[in-house]
Amino acid sequence: RHSDERTLMSAQTGHDDAKPQTVLESLLRRWRHRPDWSESERQVVVADLMHEGDERRRYLARFVTLSVLSTVLASFGLISNSIATLIAGMLLDPLMTPVLAVAASMVFGQPMRVLRALSIVGGGTLVAIATGWLVAAISPGFASTDDLTSELLLRTSPSLLDLGVAVVAGVSAGYVLTHREANSVIPGVAIAVALVPPLAAVGVLLSIGATDEARGAFLLYATNLGAIILAAT
């Protein structure tokens, strides 16, 4: 009872007789007392990620178009061993929007939106693999496992380092989503996430019958996807 009275008096007088806080304690206390999102802020996030109602059809058309274009660039980059072309494909990749929609829907406790966002991710995955297969099939001078470039081989052996990159990328994407003033770093997040190169690698490798390597590339994509969703959540 006396302790409660002292706490109340400290709050009323603006003095705190507790021991001085460390820098870490001060930062944690400030973080814990951040105000909750307002309903308008939540609606902005939902509108940016979910694309529901009349906007949905136009969004899906843009999503498929950008998925094809980004995968074409990524496939060319993998086949020609061009990092610059790969980065261009990463910047065009639209998969990050439905991936973040999954994370946001999980946070908001909306299972139907989670399923809808996951269906878009699944559709984008199939489109990217099919596009990578087609690009490799029509590319001259690329017909066997002897033609595998170093950029392709990098996507066939996932490691704990790749998992760590995916976790940090997911945290970064979640931070940018919840701090609108940080939108200028979105291109860097898109490059760090790098979901389209392993998907393009799956299609390219399947086209020449390199099923074991394609399985490794898909494992890289799947682990990246899971890590990004959980970290962003």
Protein backbone atom coordinates (compact mmCIF):
# COMPACT_ATOMS: atom_id res chain seq x y z
CA ARG A 1 0.00 0.00 0.00
CA HIS A 2 2.79 2.44 0.90
CA SER A 3 4.58 1.59 -2.34
CA ASP A 4 1.44 2.37 -4.34
CA GLU A 5 1.11 5.69 -2.51
CA ARG A 6 4.71 6.64 -3.35
CA THR A 7 4.14 5.71 -7.00
CA LEU A 8 1.00 7.85 -7.13
CA MET A 9 2.78 10.79 -5.50
CA SER A 10 5.67 10.50 -7.96
CA ALA A 11 3.25 10.53 -10.87
CA GLN A 12 1.47 13.58 -9.50
CA THR A 13 4.63 15.57 -8.76
CA GLY A 14 6.52 14.52 -11.87
CA HIS A 15 9.40 13.06 -9.80
CA ASP A 16 10.53 9.46 -9.79
CA ASP A 17 12.51 8.21 -6.81
CA ALA A 18 13.40 4.99 -8.62
CA LYS A 19 16.96 4.39 -9.71
CA PRO A 20 18.03 6.17 -12.94
CA GLN A 21 17.15 4.30 -16.12
CA THR A 22 19.79 3.05 -18.50
CA VAL A 23 19.63 4.02 -22.17
CA LEU A 24 18.31 0.56 -23.09
CA GLU A 25 15.60 0.70 -20.42
CA SER A 26 14.56 4.14 -21.63
CA LEU A 27 14.31 2.97 -25.24
CA LEU A 28 12.32 -0.12 -24.30
CA ARG A 29 9.95 1.93 -22.16
CA ARG A 30 9.41 4.39 -24.98
CA TRP A 31 8.80 1.55 -27.46
CA ARG A 32 6.28 -0.19 -25.18
CA HIS A 33 4.26 3.00 -24.85
CA ARG A 34 3.90 3.71 -28.56
CA PRO A 35 0.28 4.60 -29.33
CA ASP A 36 -1.80 2.01 -31.15
CA TRP A 37 -2.65 2.46 -34.80
CA SER A 38 -5.76 4.47 -35.46
CA GLU A 39 -8.52 2.95 -37.57
CA SER A 40 -7.63 5.27 -40.45
CA GLU A 41 -4.02 4.03 -40.41
CA ARG A 42 -5.22 0.44 -40.49
CA GLN A 43 -7.47 1.22 -43.45
CA VAL A 44 -4.52 2.72 -45.34
CA VAL A 45 -2.53 -0.50 -44.83
CA VAL A 46 -5.50 -2.63 -45.89
CA ALA A 47 -6.05 -0.52 -49.03
CA ASP A 48 -2.36 -0.71 -49.98
CA LEU A 49 -2.12 -4.48 -49.54
CA MET A 50 -5.51 -6.13 -50.01
CA HIS A 51 -6.90 -4.44 -53.18
CA GLU A 52 -10.47 -5.50 -52.63
CA GLY A 53 -13.73 -4.62 -54.40
CA ASP A 54 -13.61 -2.98 -57.82
CA GLU A 55 -9.83 -2.51 -57.57
CA ARG A 56 -9.16 -6.25 -57.28
CA ARG A 57 -9.44 -7.12 -60.97
CA ARG A 58 -7.15 -4.26 -62.04
CA TYR A 59 -4.66 -5.22 -59.33
CA LEU A 60 -4.57 -8.86 -60.44
CA ALA A 61 -3.96 -7.79 -64.05
CA ARG A 62 -1.04 -5.61 -62.92
CA PHE A 63 0.24 -8.38 -60.67
CA VAL A 64 0.34 -10.98 -63.46
CA THR A 65 1.94 -8.52 -65.90
CA LEU A 66 4.68 -7.51 -63.47
CA SER A 67 5.23 -11.15 -62.44
CA VAL A 68 5.89 -12.13 -66.04
CA LEU A 69 8.13 -9.13 -66.76
CA SER A 70 10.16 -9.48 -63.56
CA THR A 71 10.65 -13.21 -64.12
CA VAL A 72 11.72 -12.67 -67.72
CA LEU A 73 14.39 -10.22 -66.55
CA ALA A 74 15.47 -12.50 -63.70
CA SER A 75 15.68 -15.50 -66.05
CA PHE A 76 17.79 -13.56 -68.53
CA GLY A 77 20.02 -12.47 -65.67
CA LEU A 78 20.45 -16.05 -64.45
CA ILE A 79 21.16 -17.44 -67.92
CA SER A 80 23.55 -14.64 -68.91
CA ASN A 81 25.10 -14.42 -65.42
CA SER A 82 24.21 -10.70 -65.27
CA ILE A 83 23.73 -9.30 -61.76
CA ALA A 84 22.39 -5.99 -63.10
CA THR A 85 19.58 -7.75 -64.99
CA LEU A 86 18.79 -9.80 -61.89
CA ILE A 87 18.47 -6.66 -59.79
CA ALA A 88 16.11 -5.16 -62.38
CA GLY A 89 13.92 -8.24 -62.06
CA MET A 90 13.93 -7.94 -58.27
CA LEU A 91 12.81 -4.31 -58.43
CA LEU A 92 9.85 -5.23 -60.68
CA ASP A 93 8.80 -8.23 -58.60
CA PRO A 94 5.21 -7.69 -57.25
CA LEU A 95 5.21 -10.68 -54.89
CA MET A 96 6.08 -8.61 -51.85
CA THR A 97 2.63 -6.99 -51.72
CA PRO A 98 0.62 -10.21 -51.23
CA VAL A 99 3.33 -11.58 -48.94
CA LEU A 100 2.95 -8.54 -46.67
CA ALA A 101 -0.82 -8.87 -47.03
CA VAL A 102 -0.52 -12.35 -45.49
CA ALA A 103 1.50 -10.94 -42.58
CA ALA A 104 -0.86 -8.00 -42.01
CA SER A 105 -3.94 -10.24 -42.16
CA MET A 106 -2.39 -12.52 -39.57
CA VAL A 107 -1.75 -9.55 -37.28
CA PHE A 108 -5.31 -8.26 -37.76
CA GLY A 109 -6.76 -11.75 -37.15
CA GLN A 110 -8.51 -12.03 -40.53
CA PRO A 111 -8.24 -15.66 -41.78
CA MET A 112 -10.19 -15.12 -45.00
CA ARG A 113 -7.84 -12.35 -46.05
CA VAL A 114 -4.89 -14.59 -45.19
CA LEU A 115 -6.27 -17.26 -47.55
CA ARG A 116 -6.94 -14.75 -50.33
CA ALA A 117 -3.43 -13.31 -50.06
CA LEU A 118 -1.91 -16.80 -50.00
CA SER A 119 -3.85 -17.70 -53.15
CA ILE A 120 -2.30 -14.69 -54.91
CA VAL A 121 1.16 -15.72 -53.70
CA GLY A 122 0.54 -19.25 -54.98
CA GLY A 123 -0.66 -17.98 -58.36
CA GLY A 124 2.34 -15.68 -58.67
CA THR A 125 4.63 -18.60 -57.82
CA LEU A 126 3.19 -20.72 -60.64
CA VAL A 127 3.33 -17.84 -63.12
CA ALA A 128 6.98 -17.17 -62.29
CA ILE A 129 8.02 -20.82 -62.62
CA ALA A 130 6.19 -21.19 -65.94
CA THR A 131 7.73 -17.97 -67.27
CA GLY A 132 11.23 -19.07 -66.26
CA TRP A 133 10.69 -22.41 -68.01
CA LEU A 134 9.53 -20.68 -71.20
CA VAL A 135 12.43 -18.21 -71.25
CA ALA A 136 14.96 -21.02 -70.87
CA ALA A 137 13.23 -23.08 -73.55
CA ILE A 138 13.57 -20.35 -76.16
CA SER A 139 17.01 -19.10 -75.12
CA PRO A 140 19.69 -20.04 -77.66
CA GLY A 141 22.77 -21.88 -76.43
CA PHE A 142 21.20 -22.96 -73.14
CA ALA A 143 20.15 -26.58 -73.28
CA SER A 144 21.95 -28.68 -70.65
CA THR A 145 23.32 -28.74 -67.13
CA ASP A 146 26.75 -27.92 -68.59
CA ASP A 147 25.45 -24.39 -69.24
CA LEU A 148 24.64 -23.57 -65.61
CA THR A 149 26.00 -20.18 -64.61
CA SER A 150 27.31 -19.21 -61.19
CA GLU A 151 24.19 -17.10 -60.50
CA LEU A 152 22.02 -20.14 -61.19
CA LEU A 153 24.12 -22.37 -58.96
CA LEU A 154 23.90 -19.84 -56.12
CA ARG A 155 20.13 -20.40 -56.03
CA THR A 156 20.33 -24.18 -55.74
CA SER A 157 21.97 -24.55 -52.32
CA PRO A 158 20.09 -22.67 -49.56
CA SER A 159 22.01 -22.03 -46.36
CA LEU A 160 21.47 -20.51 -42.92
CA LEU A 161 22.92 -17.27 -44.29
CA ASP A 162 20.07 -17.11 -46.82
CA LEU A 163 17.59 -17.68 -43.99
CA GLY A 164 19.15 -14.86 -41.99
CA VAL A 165 18.89 -12.49 -44.96
CA ALA A 166 15.21 -13.42 -45.38
CA VAL A 167 14.47 -12.74 -41.71
CA VAL A 168 16.13 -9.31 -41.81
CA ALA A 169 14.35 -8.52 -45.09
CA GLY A 170 11.01 -9.47 -43.54
CA VAL A 171 11.63 -7.24 -40.52
CA SER A 172 12.65 -4.40 -42.85
CA ALA A 173 9.52 -4.83 -44.97
CA GLY A 174 7.30 -4.83 -41.88
CA TYR A 175 9.05 -1.73 -40.55
CA VAL A 176 8.59 0.15 -43.83
CA LEU A 177 4.93 -0.88 -43.94
CA THR A 178 4.25 0.47 -40.45
CA HIS A 179 6.40 3.60 -40.81
CA ARG A 180 5.12 5.40 -43.87
CA GLU A 181 7.88 8.01 -43.72
CA ALA A 182 10.39 5.25 -44.58
CA ASN A 183 8.88 4.52 -48.02
CA SER A 184 12.01 5.78 -49.77
CA VAL A 185 13.88 2.58 -48.85
CA ILE A 186 11.34 0.24 -50.49
CA PRO A 187 13.63 -0.46 -53.52
CA GLY A 188 16.35 -1.64 -51.14
CA VAL A 189 13.88 -3.92 -49.38
CA ALA A 190 12.79 -5.33 -52.75
CA ILE A 191 16.39 -6.23 -53.62
CA ALA A 192 17.00 -7.75 -50.18
CA VAL A 193 13.87 -9.91 -50.33
CA ALA A 194 14.81 -11.49 -53.70
CA LEU A 195 11.87 -13.86 -54.17
CA VAL A 196 11.82 -13.85 -57.96
CA PRO A 197 15.38 -15.13 -58.69
CA PRO A 198 14.89 -18.56 -57.03
CA LEU A 199 11.50 -18.92 -58.73
CA ALA A 200 13.00 -18.06 -62.10
CA ALA A 201 15.78 -20.54 -61.33
CA VAL A 202 13.22 -23.29 -60.69
CA GLY A 203 11.65 -22.77 -64.12
CA VAL A 204 14.98 -22.46 -65.91
CA LEU A 205 16.37 -25.60 -64.28
CA LEU A 206 13.24 -27.63 -64.93
CA SER A 207 13.41 -26.76 -68.62
CA ILE A 208 16.75 -28.57 -68.96
CA GLY A 209 15.85 -31.48 -66.68
CA ALA A 210 17.96 -30.42 -63.70
CA THR A 211 15.33 -31.55 -61.19
CA ASP A 212 17.66 -31.84 -58.18
CA GLU A 213 18.94 -28.29 -58.65
CA ALA A 214 15.38 -27.06 -59.24
CA ARG A 215 14.32 -28.68 -55.96
CA GLY A 216 17.08 -26.80 -54.15
CA ALA A 217 16.02 -23.50 -55.74
CA PHE A 218 12.40 -24.07 -54.69
CA LEU A 219 13.52 -24.88 -51.15
CA LEU A 220 15.36 -21.54 -51.10
CA TYR A 221 12.18 -19.77 -52.23
CA ALA A 222 9.98 -21.58 -49.71
CA THR A 223 12.27 -20.87 -46.75
CA ASN A 224 12.63 -17.23 -47.79
CA LEU A 225 8.87 -16.91 -48.11
CA GLY A 226 8.16 -18.44 -44.68
CA ALA A 227 10.87 -16.40 -42.96
CA ILE A 228 9.71 -13.13 -44.52
CA ILE A 229 6.06 -13.70 -43.53
CA LEU A 230 6.92 -14.60 -39.93
CA ALA A 231 9.46 -11.79 -39.51
CA ALA A 232 7.14 -9.18 -41.01
CA THR A 233 4.30 -10.41 -38.79
